[in-house]
Amino acid sequence: MRGPSSTTGRRLALDDVAEIIIGTCVLAFPVALTEEVWEISRTLPIGRVLHMFFWSVVFVGFFTYQRYFRHQLSGNVGLFLVRVGTAYFLTTLASASILLALNQLLTVEVAVAVKRVIIVSVAGSFAGTIVDSMSRGDESQNRGIVS
């Protein structure tokens, strides 16, 4: 079995990007539609929202480690961090786009808008990561972040 460092190339493939964004939208869109998210973003303290964000990054990182880098993280820490960071960046971008389309981003204070994006991204990050990992069955276990 080849590990992430034994494959050629070191960039995130376009199909990975599409899978992360589509997977994110599968869960982020219905979550962004709920009035509960709109309200909780007004009332929940930023510390609690950041707590949710922290744990979602930990869980996405753990899943990514188990799926792509188990027993192969040594020498591939940069690849691991790029995959987790890129997944979360794409999730955040998709979540913000959904909220913008629903007119729930620019019509509120900046702090509320940021909290809304984080709350929707927490849900979307799990779906995006899982859809990306399922895309090619066993082959996806071996490709890390390469095309």
Protein backbone atom coordinates (compact mmCIF):
# COMPACT_ATOMS: atom_id res chain seq x y z
CA MET A 1 0.00 0.00 0.00
CA ARG A 2 1.39 3.38 -0.99
CA GLY A 3 1.40 6.23 1.50
CA PRO A 4 0.86 9.90 0.79
CA SER A 5 4.57 10.59 0.43
CA SER A 6 5.14 7.80 -2.07
CA THR A 7 2.70 9.16 -4.67
CA THR A 8 3.57 11.74 -7.27
CA GLY A 9 2.60 15.38 -6.95
CA ARG A 10 1.84 17.46 -3.88
CA ARG A 11 -1.30 19.43 -4.68
CA LEU A 12 -4.94 19.04 -3.88
CA ALA A 13 -6.71 17.75 -6.98
CA LEU A 14 -9.69 19.57 -8.46
CA ASP A 15 -11.93 16.56 -7.81
CA ASP A 16 -10.99 16.72 -4.11
CA VAL A 17 -11.99 20.38 -4.00
CA ALA A 18 -15.32 19.62 -5.69
CA GLU A 19 -16.01 16.71 -3.33
CA ILE A 20 -15.30 18.79 -0.24
CA ILE A 21 -17.53 21.65 -1.44
CA ILE A 22 -20.38 19.36 -2.51
CA GLY A 23 -20.15 17.36 0.71
CA THR A 24 -20.16 20.55 2.73
CA CYS A 25 -23.27 21.81 0.96
CA VAL A 26 -25.11 18.56 1.64
CA LEU A 27 -25.20 19.40 5.35
CA ALA A 28 -24.41 23.11 5.49
CA PHE A 29 -27.35 24.16 3.30
CA PRO A 30 -30.11 22.66 5.47
CA VAL A 31 -28.37 23.87 8.64
CA ALA A 32 -28.03 27.40 7.23
CA LEU A 33 -31.76 27.46 6.48
CA THR A 34 -32.77 27.06 10.11
CA GLU A 35 -33.89 30.00 12.15
CA GLU A 36 -32.29 28.32 15.17
CA VAL A 37 -28.82 28.90 13.68
CA TRP A 38 -29.68 32.52 12.96
CA GLU A 39 -30.83 33.04 16.55
CA ILE A 40 -28.09 31.05 18.30
CA SER A 41 -25.50 33.09 16.40
CA ARG A 42 -26.91 36.19 18.08
CA THR A 43 -27.03 34.78 21.62
CA LEU A 44 -24.18 32.28 21.91
CA PRO A 45 -20.95 33.85 23.23
CA ILE A 46 -18.04 33.83 20.80
CA GLY A 47 -16.05 31.64 23.22
CA ARG A 48 -18.61 28.84 22.89
CA VAL A 49 -18.65 29.16 19.11
CA LEU A 50 -14.84 28.97 19.03
CA HIS A 51 -15.06 25.93 21.30
CA MET A 52 -17.32 24.25 18.70
CA PHE A 53 -14.87 25.24 15.97
CA PHE A 54 -11.88 23.86 17.90
CA TRP A 55 -13.49 20.46 18.45
CA SER A 56 -14.68 20.19 14.86
CA VAL A 57 -11.12 20.83 13.63
CA VAL A 58 -9.87 18.16 16.05
CA PHE A 59 -12.44 15.64 14.80
CA VAL A 60 -11.81 16.44 11.13
CA GLY A 61 -8.07 16.16 11.79
CA PHE A 62 -8.51 12.82 13.56
CA PHE A 63 -10.68 11.47 10.73
CA THR A 64 -8.17 12.69 8.12
CA TYR A 65 -5.32 11.09 10.06
CA GLN A 66 -7.17 7.77 10.30
CA ARG A 67 -8.22 7.79 6.65
CA TYR A 68 -5.05 9.00 4.92
CA PHE A 69 -2.06 9.14 7.27
CA ARG A 70 -2.34 6.33 9.82
CA HIS A 71 1.18 5.00 10.49
CA GLN A 72 2.51 7.40 7.82
CA LEU A 73 2.36 10.84 9.47
CA SER A 74 6.11 11.05 9.99
CA GLY A 75 7.45 13.12 7.13
CA ASN A 76 3.93 14.00 5.99
CA VAL A 77 2.88 16.48 8.68
CA GLY A 78 2.80 19.30 6.13
CA LEU A 79 0.55 17.29 3.82
CA PHE A 80 -1.73 16.47 6.73
CA LEU A 81 -2.01 20.12 7.80
CA VAL A 82 -2.64 21.24 4.21
CA ARG A 83 -5.44 18.69 3.78
CA VAL A 84 -7.17 19.64 7.04
CA GLY A 85 -6.65 23.37 6.49
CA THR A 86 -7.83 23.27 2.88
CA ALA A 87 -10.90 21.23 3.80
CA TYR A 88 -11.83 23.75 6.49
CA PHE A 89 -11.13 26.74 4.24
CA LEU A 90 -13.36 25.32 1.48
CA THR A 91 -16.05 24.48 4.04
CA THR A 92 -15.97 28.02 5.39
CA LEU A 93 -16.13 29.49 1.89
CA ALA A 94 -19.10 27.30 0.94
CA SER A 95 -20.89 28.04 4.23
CA ALA A 96 -20.40 31.78 3.83
CA SER A 97 -21.66 31.60 0.24
CA ILE A 98 -24.81 29.77 1.34
CA LEU A 99 -25.49 32.31 4.09
CA LEU A 100 -24.85 35.15 1.66
CA ALA A 101 -27.36 33.68 -0.81
CA LEU A 102 -29.92 33.41 2.01
CA ASN A 103 -29.33 37.08 2.93
CA GLN A 104 -28.17 36.02 6.39
CA LEU A 105 -24.59 37.30 6.24
CA LEU A 106 -24.41 40.99 5.34
CA THR A 107 -27.60 42.03 7.13
CA VAL A 108 -26.18 41.55 10.63
CA GLU A 109 -23.22 42.77 12.69
CA VAL A 110 -19.83 41.35 11.77
CA ALA A 111 -19.56 39.29 15.00
CA VAL A 112 -22.94 37.64 14.36
CA ALA A 113 -22.03 36.96 10.73
CA VAL A 114 -18.74 35.33 11.76
CA LYS A 115 -20.53 33.17 14.33
CA ARG A 116 -23.07 32.09 11.72
CA VAL A 117 -20.35 31.06 9.31
CA ILE A 118 -18.54 29.10 12.03
CA ILE A 119 -21.69 27.33 13.23
CA VAL A 120 -22.70 26.30 9.69
CA SER A 121 -19.09 25.33 8.91
CA VAL A 122 -18.92 23.02 11.91
CA ALA A 123 -21.73 20.93 10.47
CA GLY A 124 -20.52 21.18 6.90
CA SER A 125 -16.94 20.25 7.69
CA PHE A 126 -17.87 16.73 8.73
CA ALA A 127 -19.91 16.06 5.60
CA GLY A 128 -17.30 17.58 3.30
CA THR A 129 -14.49 15.51 4.77
CA ILE A 130 -16.49 12.29 4.65
CA VAL A 131 -17.67 12.77 1.06
CA ASP A 132 -14.09 13.49 -0.04
CA SER A 133 -12.83 10.34 1.68
CA MET A 134 -15.53 8.12 0.14
CA SER A 135 -15.09 9.27 -3.44
CA ARG A 136 -12.80 6.54 -4.66
CA GLY A 137 -13.20 3.72 -2.22
CA ASP A 138 -9.92 2.04 -1.32
CA GLU A 139 -7.89 4.15 -3.75
CA SER A 140 -8.69 7.31 -1.78
CA GLN A 141 -6.96 5.85 1.28
CA ASN A 142 -3.68 5.93 -0.59
CA ARG A 143 -3.72 9.32 -2.23
CA GLY A 144 -3.34 11.73 0.68
CA ILE A 145 -3.61 15.15 -0.95
CA VAL A 146 -2.19 14.31 -4.33
CA SER A 147 -3.92 14.22 -7.68
